[in-house]
Structure formats: C-alpha cells, structure tokens
Amino acid sequence: MGERVSVEGFVLAGGRSSRMGRDKALVELAGKPLIARALETLRSAGIAARLAGARGDLSAFAPVVPDEAEDAGPLSGVCSALRAAGSEWVVFLPVDLPLLPASLLQFLIEHAQVTDAAVTVASLNGFAQTFPAVVRRETLAALSAELASGRSGVFAAFSRAGMRVVAVEMVAQAGGVREWPPYRWFWNVNTPAELEKVESVLKRLG
C-alpha cells in the first residue's frame, strides 16, 4: 500500500434532543457523557476529532465547527464540517451511538480508500445506516447542492452523491470487528428508556 491517506472525524452534536428532554451530548452513560464517549471512539480509531453543530457550549470536550445554516438538520452540519476539514477523508459519527466499536470505523475507512467511494456507510440486517459515514471531502459540492435545493435529508443526499454500503454482518464474520454483537452497535440513545437499556447492558457485562 502507498502512503496513508489523511483522515479526520467529527461528532455530530447539533440535534434538538427533544426526546431526551435535555442535551443528550451531556447525558452520562456509566459515568461518562455521550459526547466524551463518541470522541473517544473516533480517537481510539486513530482519528483526530472535532465537533460539528453543537447547540450548547461543548468546546471543553473538543474544537467545535458551528453549523453555517441554523436549524437545517444534520446535512448542514456535515457540509460545514467538510468545508472546515483539511483531510481527504472525513468520518462522521453521531453522539448517540455509544456501543459503536472503533474498529468498525477503521474497517469503513479502509473500504472507502480501496473503493474510492464518495460516501461509505454500513448496513444492519439489510438496512443501510446513515451514520457512521466516511465521506470524501470533494463530495462537499454535491452535498451542498442538495442542501441549497431544500433537500436536507442526509441519507438521500449521500445516495445521490454516490454511496457504497458495507454489511456489518460480513465484517463481523470476517473477524474485522469483535466487540459486541452487530445488532448492538447501532443502539441509539435518544430517550431516557434507551439510555437505561444500554446502561443495564453495560452493567451486566461489567
């Protein structure tokens, strides 16, 4: 292989957290804020990490790139982050996937570099997941055009830009990722009940 292609990452933290009832970035899971866990996942994968679109002041955790367009959804955060990025490949991770393994991010990055895809995401049980996503920085023009047209859906924008999907079951079977069963990787923490479920699993496995 040639020289390693530069990669950087962003945690998307601009959601309204309406179902949680408070800023979920600061909600603690097993004594650690979700934002800290997400940043740790990126850094454990060897990726320099920043925050995109944070609503509150999260600068104590990592540098923040604000959304250039307010209340335009996560696609605005993705575009703002790509505009601020200096690397060829940019990884996006939402703040609410605390059980996602860092090794999956590494696998997706390697797949993206081999295939040269504009966007690379994972699928679970045949359903493609919007995040985590590995995006080529040059895809910014296509995604910005989607946002400017009023089509702010991230998954649709990724699809139109040229998206490749990797089945996580195949990754797990190949031994590329060993942490947790794949179905747990995408457990969201959007509500107090979901937080309690994930916390109970962590306590059992302790």
C-alpha atoms as a PDB file:
ATOM      1  CA  MET A   1       0.000   0.000   0.000  1.00  0.00           C
ATOM      2  CA  GLY A   2       1.077   3.627  -0.569  1.00  0.00           C
ATOM      3  CA  GLU A   3       1.202   6.486   1.856  1.00  0.00           C
ATOM      4  CA  ARG A   4      -1.619   6.539   4.357  1.00  0.00           C
ATOM      5  CA  VAL A   5      -4.414   8.883   3.290  1.00  0.00           C
ATOM      6  CA  SER A   6      -5.204  11.570   5.858  1.00  0.00           C
ATOM      7  CA  VAL A   7      -8.426  11.162   7.836  1.00  0.00           C
ATOM      8  CA  GLU A   8     -10.215  13.304  10.385  1.00  0.00           C
ATOM      9  CA  GLY A   9     -13.516  12.939  12.191  1.00  0.00           C
ATOM     10  CA  PHE A  10     -16.460  14.883  13.522  1.00  0.00           C
ATOM     11  CA  VAL A  11     -19.052  14.042  16.133  1.00  0.00           C
ATOM     12  CA  LEU A  12     -22.436  15.421  15.063  1.00  0.00           C
ATOM     13  CA  ALA A  13     -23.885  17.103  18.141  1.00  0.00           C
ATOM     14  CA  GLY A  14     -26.404  19.570  16.752  1.00  0.00           C
ATOM     15  CA  GLY A  15     -29.642  17.689  17.381  1.00  0.00           C
ATOM     16  CA  ARG A  16     -32.504  19.170  19.401  1.00  0.00           C
ATOM     17  CA  SER A  17     -32.565  16.212  21.863  1.00  0.00           C
ATOM     18  CA  SER A  18     -36.339  16.676  22.178  1.00  0.00           C
ATOM     19  CA  ARG A  19     -36.979  13.016  23.011  1.00  0.00           C
ATOM     20  CA  MET A  20     -34.305  13.001  25.701  1.00  0.00           C
ATOM     21  CA  GLY A  21     -35.627  16.191  27.285  1.00  0.00           C
ATOM     22  CA  ARG A  22     -32.124  17.653  27.729  1.00  0.00           C
ATOM     23  CA  ASP A  23     -28.945  17.958  25.696  1.00  0.00           C
ATOM     24  CA  LYS A  24     -28.107  14.309  25.078  1.00  0.00           C
ATOM     25  CA  ALA A  25     -24.485  15.169  24.332  1.00  0.00           C
ATOM     26  CA  LEU A  26     -24.070  15.803  28.067  1.00  0.00           C
ATOM     27  CA  VAL A  27     -26.156  12.857  29.252  1.00  0.00           C
ATOM     28  CA  GLU A  28     -23.951  10.440  31.193  1.00  0.00           C
ATOM     29  CA  LEU A  29     -23.760   6.745  30.412  1.00  0.00           C
ATOM     30  CA  ALA A  30     -21.915   4.743  33.078  1.00  0.00           C
ATOM     31  CA  GLY A  31     -20.494   7.985  34.438  1.00  0.00           C
ATOM     32  CA  LYS A  32     -19.247   9.414  31.121  1.00  0.00           C
ATOM     33  CA  PRO A  33     -21.036  11.966  28.883  1.00  0.00           C
ATOM     34  CA  LEU A  34     -22.148  10.661  25.488  1.00  0.00           C
ATOM     35  CA  ILE A  35     -20.093  13.361  23.777  1.00  0.00           C
ATOM     36  CA  ALA A  36     -16.937  12.126  25.530  1.00  0.00           C
ATOM     37  CA  ARG A  37     -17.703   8.544  24.523  1.00  0.00           C
ATOM     38  CA  ALA A  38     -18.179   9.489  20.866  1.00  0.00           C
ATOM     39  CA  LEU A  39     -14.942  11.465  20.764  1.00  0.00           C
ATOM     40  CA  GLU A  40     -13.156   8.558  22.441  1.00  0.00           C
ATOM     41  CA  THR A  41     -14.454   6.185  19.746  1.00  0.00           C
ATOM     42  CA  LEU A  42     -13.003   8.360  16.987  1.00  0.00           C
ATOM     43  CA  ARG A  43      -9.694   8.804  18.776  1.00  0.00           C
ATOM     44  CA  SER A  44      -9.459   5.074  19.513  1.00  0.00           C
ATOM     45  CA  ALA A  45      -9.677   4.549  15.747  1.00  0.00           C
ATOM     46  CA  GLY A  46      -6.693   6.862  15.319  1.00  0.00           C
ATOM     47  CA  ILE A  47      -8.800   9.762  14.046  1.00  0.00           C
ATOM     48  CA  ALA A  48      -8.318  13.384  15.076  1.00  0.00           C
ATOM     49  CA  ALA A  49     -11.732  14.524  16.297  1.00  0.00           C
ATOM     50  CA  ARG A  50     -13.786  17.707  16.399  1.00  0.00           C
ATOM     51  CA  LEU A  51     -17.454  18.523  16.982  1.00  0.00           C
ATOM     52  CA  ALA A  52     -19.935  19.708  14.363  1.00  0.00           C
ATOM     53  CA  GLY A  53     -23.049  21.764  15.014  1.00  0.00           C
ATOM     54  CA  ALA A  54     -23.059  21.685  18.810  1.00  0.00           C
ATOM     55  CA  ARG A  55     -26.043  23.554  20.271  1.00  0.00           C
ATOM     56  CA  GLY A  56     -24.555  24.093  23.709  1.00  0.00           C
ATOM     57  CA  ASP A  57     -21.013  25.037  24.669  1.00  0.00           C
ATOM     58  CA  LEU A  58     -19.106  21.780  24.208  1.00  0.00           C
ATOM     59  CA  SER A  59     -15.755  23.369  23.455  1.00  0.00           C
ATOM     60  CA  ALA A  60     -14.316  21.908  26.666  1.00  0.00           C
ATOM     61  CA  PHE A  61     -14.505  18.471  25.013  1.00  0.00           C
ATOM     62  CA  ALA A  62     -13.104  19.311  21.549  1.00  0.00           C
ATOM     63  CA  PRO A  63     -12.922  22.148  18.998  1.00  0.00           C
ATOM     64  CA  VAL A  64     -16.353  22.990  17.560  1.00  0.00           C
ATOM     65  CA  VAL A  65     -17.293  23.774  13.953  1.00  0.00           C
ATOM     66  CA  PRO A  66     -20.683  25.554  14.057  1.00  0.00           C
ATOM     67  CA  ASP A  67     -23.440  24.952  11.526  1.00  0.00           C
ATOM     68  CA  GLU A  68     -23.347  27.621   8.842  1.00  0.00           C
ATOM     69  CA  ALA A  69     -27.125  27.299   8.459  1.00  0.00           C
ATOM     70  CA  GLU A  70     -29.171  27.093  11.652  1.00  0.00           C
ATOM     71  CA  ASP A  71     -31.935  24.505  12.052  1.00  0.00           C
ATOM     72  CA  ALA A  72     -31.111  22.911   8.687  1.00  0.00           C
ATOM     73  CA  GLY A  73     -30.594  19.440  10.131  1.00  0.00           C
ATOM     74  CA  PRO A  74     -27.549  17.172  10.174  1.00  0.00           C
ATOM     75  CA  LEU A  75     -26.792  17.698   6.476  1.00  0.00           C
ATOM     76  CA  SER A  76     -25.902  21.289   7.320  1.00  0.00           C
ATOM     77  CA  GLY A  77     -23.518  20.024   9.994  1.00  0.00           C
ATOM     78  CA  VAL A  78     -21.940  17.598   7.535  1.00  0.00           C
ATOM     79  CA  CYS A  79     -21.420  20.328   4.933  1.00  0.00           C
ATOM     80  CA  SER A  80     -19.999  22.776   7.484  1.00  0.00           C
ATOM     81  CA  ALA A  81     -17.589  20.124   8.755  1.00  0.00           C
ATOM     82  CA  LEU A  82     -16.457  19.157   5.249  1.00  0.00           C
ATOM     83  CA  ARG A  83     -15.832  22.814   4.477  1.00  0.00           C
ATOM     84  CA  ALA A  84     -13.654  23.107   7.591  1.00  0.00           C
ATOM     85  CA  ALA A  85     -11.843  19.797   7.048  1.00  0.00           C
ATOM     86  CA  GLY A  86      -8.339  19.590   5.677  1.00  0.00           C
ATOM     87  CA  SER A  87      -8.201  15.841   5.072  1.00  0.00           C
ATOM     88  CA  GLU A  88      -9.248  13.847   2.032  1.00  0.00           C
ATOM     89  CA  TRP A  89     -11.460  11.546   4.088  1.00  0.00           C
ATOM     90  CA  VAL A  90     -13.843  12.674   6.828  1.00  0.00           C
ATOM     91  CA  VAL A  91     -15.612  10.363   9.284  1.00  0.00           C
ATOM     92  CA  PHE A  92     -18.962  11.372  10.773  1.00  0.00           C
ATOM     93  CA  LEU A  93     -20.238   9.808  13.985  1.00  0.00           C
ATOM     94  CA  PRO A  94     -23.446  10.791  15.797  1.00  0.00           C
ATOM     95  CA  VAL A  95     -23.326  11.469  19.501  1.00  0.00           C
ATOM     96  CA  ASP A  96     -25.935   8.798  20.324  1.00  0.00           C
ATOM     97  CA  LEU A  97     -24.242   5.506  19.293  1.00  0.00           C
ATOM     98  CA  PRO A  98     -22.179   4.681  22.404  1.00  0.00           C
ATOM     99  CA  LEU A  99     -21.664   0.979  21.605  1.00  0.00           C
ATOM    100  CA  LEU A 100     -20.261   1.506  18.119  1.00  0.00           C
ATOM    101  CA  PRO A 101     -16.746  -0.018  18.045  1.00  0.00           C
ATOM    102  CA  ALA A 102     -13.768   1.978  16.848  1.00  0.00           C
ATOM    103  CA  SER A 103     -12.650  -0.995  14.774  1.00  0.00           C
ATOM    104  CA  LEU A 104     -15.775  -0.656  12.605  1.00  0.00           C
ATOM    105  CA  LEU A 105     -14.732   2.900  11.762  1.00  0.00           C
ATOM    106  CA  GLN A 106     -11.283   1.641  10.806  1.00  0.00           C
ATOM    107  CA  PHE A 107     -12.839  -1.003   8.553  1.00  0.00           C
ATOM    108  CA  LEU A 108     -15.103   1.543   6.847  1.00  0.00           C
ATOM    109  CA  ILE A 109     -12.164   3.890   6.259  1.00  0.00           C
ATOM    110  CA  GLU A 110     -10.118   1.113   4.655  1.00  0.00           C
ATOM    111  CA  HIS A 111     -13.080   0.119   2.488  1.00  0.00           C
ATOM    112  CA  ALA A 112     -13.625   3.736   1.420  1.00  0.00           C
ATOM    113  CA  GLN A 113      -9.980   4.156   0.472  1.00  0.00           C
ATOM    114  CA  VAL A 114      -9.924   0.938  -1.560  1.00  0.00           C
ATOM    115  CA  THR A 115     -13.168   1.654  -3.416  1.00  0.00           C
ATOM    116  CA  ASP A 116     -12.657   5.440  -3.656  1.00  0.00           C
ATOM    117  CA  ALA A 117     -16.363   5.876  -2.905  1.00  0.00           C
ATOM    118  CA  ALA A 118     -17.841   9.322  -2.327  1.00  0.00           C
ATOM    119  CA  VAL A 119     -19.667   8.059   0.775  1.00  0.00           C
ATOM    120  CA  THR A 120     -19.311   4.775   2.661  1.00  0.00           C
ATOM    121  CA  VAL A 121     -21.826   3.586   5.261  1.00  0.00           C
ATOM    122  CA  ALA A 122     -22.724   0.323   6.985  1.00  0.00           C
ATOM    123  CA  SER A 123     -25.877  -1.770   6.828  1.00  0.00           C
ATOM    124  CA  LEU A 124     -27.523  -3.907   9.511  1.00  0.00           C
ATOM    125  CA  ASN A 125     -29.985  -6.673   8.598  1.00  0.00           C
ATOM    126  CA  GLY A 126     -30.086  -5.328   5.057  1.00  0.00           C
ATOM    127  CA  PHE A 127     -30.887  -1.747   6.066  1.00  0.00           C
ATOM    128  CA  ALA A 128     -28.275   0.897   5.346  1.00  0.00           C
ATOM    129  CA  GLN A 129     -27.486   3.164   8.281  1.00  0.00           C
ATOM    130  CA  THR A 130     -26.904   6.869   7.692  1.00  0.00           C
ATOM    131  CA  PHE A 131     -24.111   7.037  10.255  1.00  0.00           C
ATOM    132  CA  PRO A 132     -21.304   6.394  10.819  1.00  0.00           C
ATOM    133  CA  ALA A 133     -20.253   7.622   7.392  1.00  0.00           C
ATOM    134  CA  VAL A 134     -16.904   8.067   5.681  1.00  0.00           C
ATOM    135  CA  VAL A 135     -17.145  10.928   3.190  1.00  0.00           C
ATOM    136  CA  ARG A 136     -14.635  12.155   0.635  1.00  0.00           C
ATOM    137  CA  ARG A 137     -14.054  15.862   1.158  1.00  0.00           C
ATOM    138  CA  GLU A 138     -14.626  16.558  -2.554  1.00  0.00           C
ATOM    139  CA  THR A 139     -18.206  15.336  -2.102  1.00  0.00           C
ATOM    140  CA  LEU A 140     -18.943  18.686  -0.421  1.00  0.00           C
ATOM    141  CA  ALA A 141     -20.084  20.276  -3.699  1.00  0.00           C
ATOM    142  CA  ALA A 142     -22.743  17.623  -4.311  1.00  0.00           C
ATOM    143  CA  LEU A 143     -23.976  17.656  -0.717  1.00  0.00           C
ATOM    144  CA  SER A 144     -24.062  21.466  -0.597  1.00  0.00           C
ATOM    145  CA  ALA A 145     -26.160  21.476  -3.768  1.00  0.00           C
ATOM    146  CA  GLU A 146     -28.635  19.125  -2.104  1.00  0.00           C
ATOM    147  CA  LEU A 147     -28.833  21.394   0.932  1.00  0.00           C
ATOM    148  CA  ALA A 148     -29.247  24.524  -1.198  1.00  0.00           C
ATOM    149  CA  SER A 149     -32.075  22.896  -3.147  1.00  0.00           C
ATOM    150  CA  GLY A 150     -34.029  22.362   0.064  1.00  0.00           C
ATOM    151  CA  ARG A 151     -33.475  18.601   0.083  1.00  0.00           C
ATOM    152  CA  SER A 152     -31.950  18.334   3.550  1.00  0.00           C
ATOM    153  CA  GLY A 153     -32.237  14.568   4.096  1.00  0.00           C
ATOM    154  CA  VAL A 154     -28.767  13.180   4.779  1.00  0.00           C
ATOM    155  CA  PHE A 155     -29.368   9.620   3.570  1.00  0.00           C
ATOM    156  CA  ALA A 156     -30.920  10.766   0.286  1.00  0.00           C
ATOM    157  CA  ALA A 157     -28.075  13.236  -0.248  1.00  0.00           C
ATOM    158  CA  PHE A 158     -25.487  10.529   0.424  1.00  0.00           C
ATOM    159  CA  SER A 159     -27.256   8.204  -2.011  1.00  0.00           C
ATOM    160  CA  ARG A 160     -27.327  10.770  -4.799  1.00  0.00           C
ATOM    161  CA  ALA A 161     -23.660  11.651  -4.205  1.00  0.00           C
ATOM    162  CA  GLY A 162     -22.619   8.011  -4.715  1.00  0.00           C
ATOM    163  CA  MET A 163     -22.882   5.795  -1.654  1.00  0.00           C
ATOM    164  CA  ARG A 164     -21.387   2.360  -1.025  1.00  0.00           C
ATOM    165  CA  VAL A 165     -22.844   0.138   1.688  1.00  0.00           C
ATOM    166  CA  VAL A 166     -20.902  -2.430   3.725  1.00  0.00           C
ATOM    167  CA  ALA A 167     -22.851  -5.155   5.568  1.00  0.00           C
ATOM    168  CA  VAL A 168     -21.701  -5.255   9.189  1.00  0.00           C
ATOM    169  CA  GLU A 169     -22.590  -8.953   9.427  1.00  0.00           C
ATOM    170  CA  MET A 170     -19.924  -9.713   6.839  1.00  0.00           C
ATOM    171  CA  VAL A 171     -17.444  -7.540   8.743  1.00  0.00           C
ATOM    172  CA  ALA A 172     -18.153  -9.433  11.958  1.00  0.00           C
ATOM    173  CA  GLN A 173     -17.960 -12.856  10.290  1.00  0.00           C
ATOM    174  CA  ALA A 174     -14.626 -11.976   8.752  1.00  0.00           C
ATOM    175  CA  GLY A 175     -13.303 -11.114  12.196  1.00  0.00           C
ATOM    176  CA  GLY A 176     -12.766  -7.475  11.290  1.00  0.00           C
ATOM    177  CA  VAL A 177     -14.725  -6.314  14.330  1.00  0.00           C
ATOM    178  CA  ARG A 178     -15.012  -8.365  17.512  1.00  0.00           C
ATOM    179  CA  GLU A 179     -16.650  -6.004  20.034  1.00  0.00           C
ATOM    180  CA  TRP A 180     -20.322  -6.661  20.816  1.00  0.00           C
ATOM    181  CA  PRO A 181     -22.863  -8.424  18.589  1.00  0.00           C
ATOM    182  CA  PRO A 182     -23.514  -6.267  15.486  1.00  0.00           C
ATOM    183  CA  TYR A 183     -27.120  -5.504  16.441  1.00  0.00           C
ATOM    184  CA  ARG A 184     -25.870  -3.578  19.486  1.00  0.00           C
ATOM    185  CA  TRP A 185     -23.523  -1.357  17.505  1.00  0.00           C
ATOM    186  CA  PHE A 186     -26.451   0.746  16.311  1.00  0.00           C
ATOM    187  CA  TRP A 187     -28.418   1.041  19.527  1.00  0.00           C
ATOM    188  CA  ASN A 188     -29.381   4.709  19.702  1.00  0.00           C
ATOM    189  CA  VAL A 189     -29.625   6.632  22.945  1.00  0.00           C
ATOM    190  CA  ASN A 190     -32.342   9.169  22.140  1.00  0.00           C
ATOM    191  CA  THR A 191     -34.672   8.703  25.118  1.00  0.00           C
ATOM    192  CA  PRO A 192     -34.323   8.041  28.865  1.00  0.00           C
ATOM    193  CA  ALA A 193     -35.629   4.497  28.283  1.00  0.00           C
ATOM    194  CA  GLU A 194     -32.956   3.797  25.652  1.00  0.00           C
ATOM    195  CA  LEU A 195     -30.316   5.194  27.981  1.00  0.00           C
ATOM    196  CA  GLU A 196     -31.488   2.854  30.739  1.00  0.00           C
ATOM    197  CA  LYS A 197     -31.404  -0.157  28.384  1.00  0.00           C
ATOM    198  CA  VAL A 198     -27.825   0.476  27.271  1.00  0.00           C
ATOM    199  CA  GLU A 199     -26.700   1.217  30.823  1.00  0.00           C
ATOM    200  CA  SER A 200     -28.194  -2.071  32.051  1.00  0.00           C
ATOM    201  CA  VAL A 201     -26.280  -3.997  29.371  1.00  0.00           C
ATOM    202  CA  LEU A 202     -23.017  -2.322  30.326  1.00  0.00           C
ATOM    203  CA  LYS A 203     -23.605  -3.155  33.989  1.00  0.00           C
ATOM    204  CA  ARG A 204     -24.325  -6.837  33.196  1.00  0.00           C
ATOM    205  CA  LEU A 205     -21.206  -7.152  31.096  1.00  0.00           C
ATOM    206  CA  GLY A 206     -19.276  -5.012  33.544  1.00  0.00           C
END
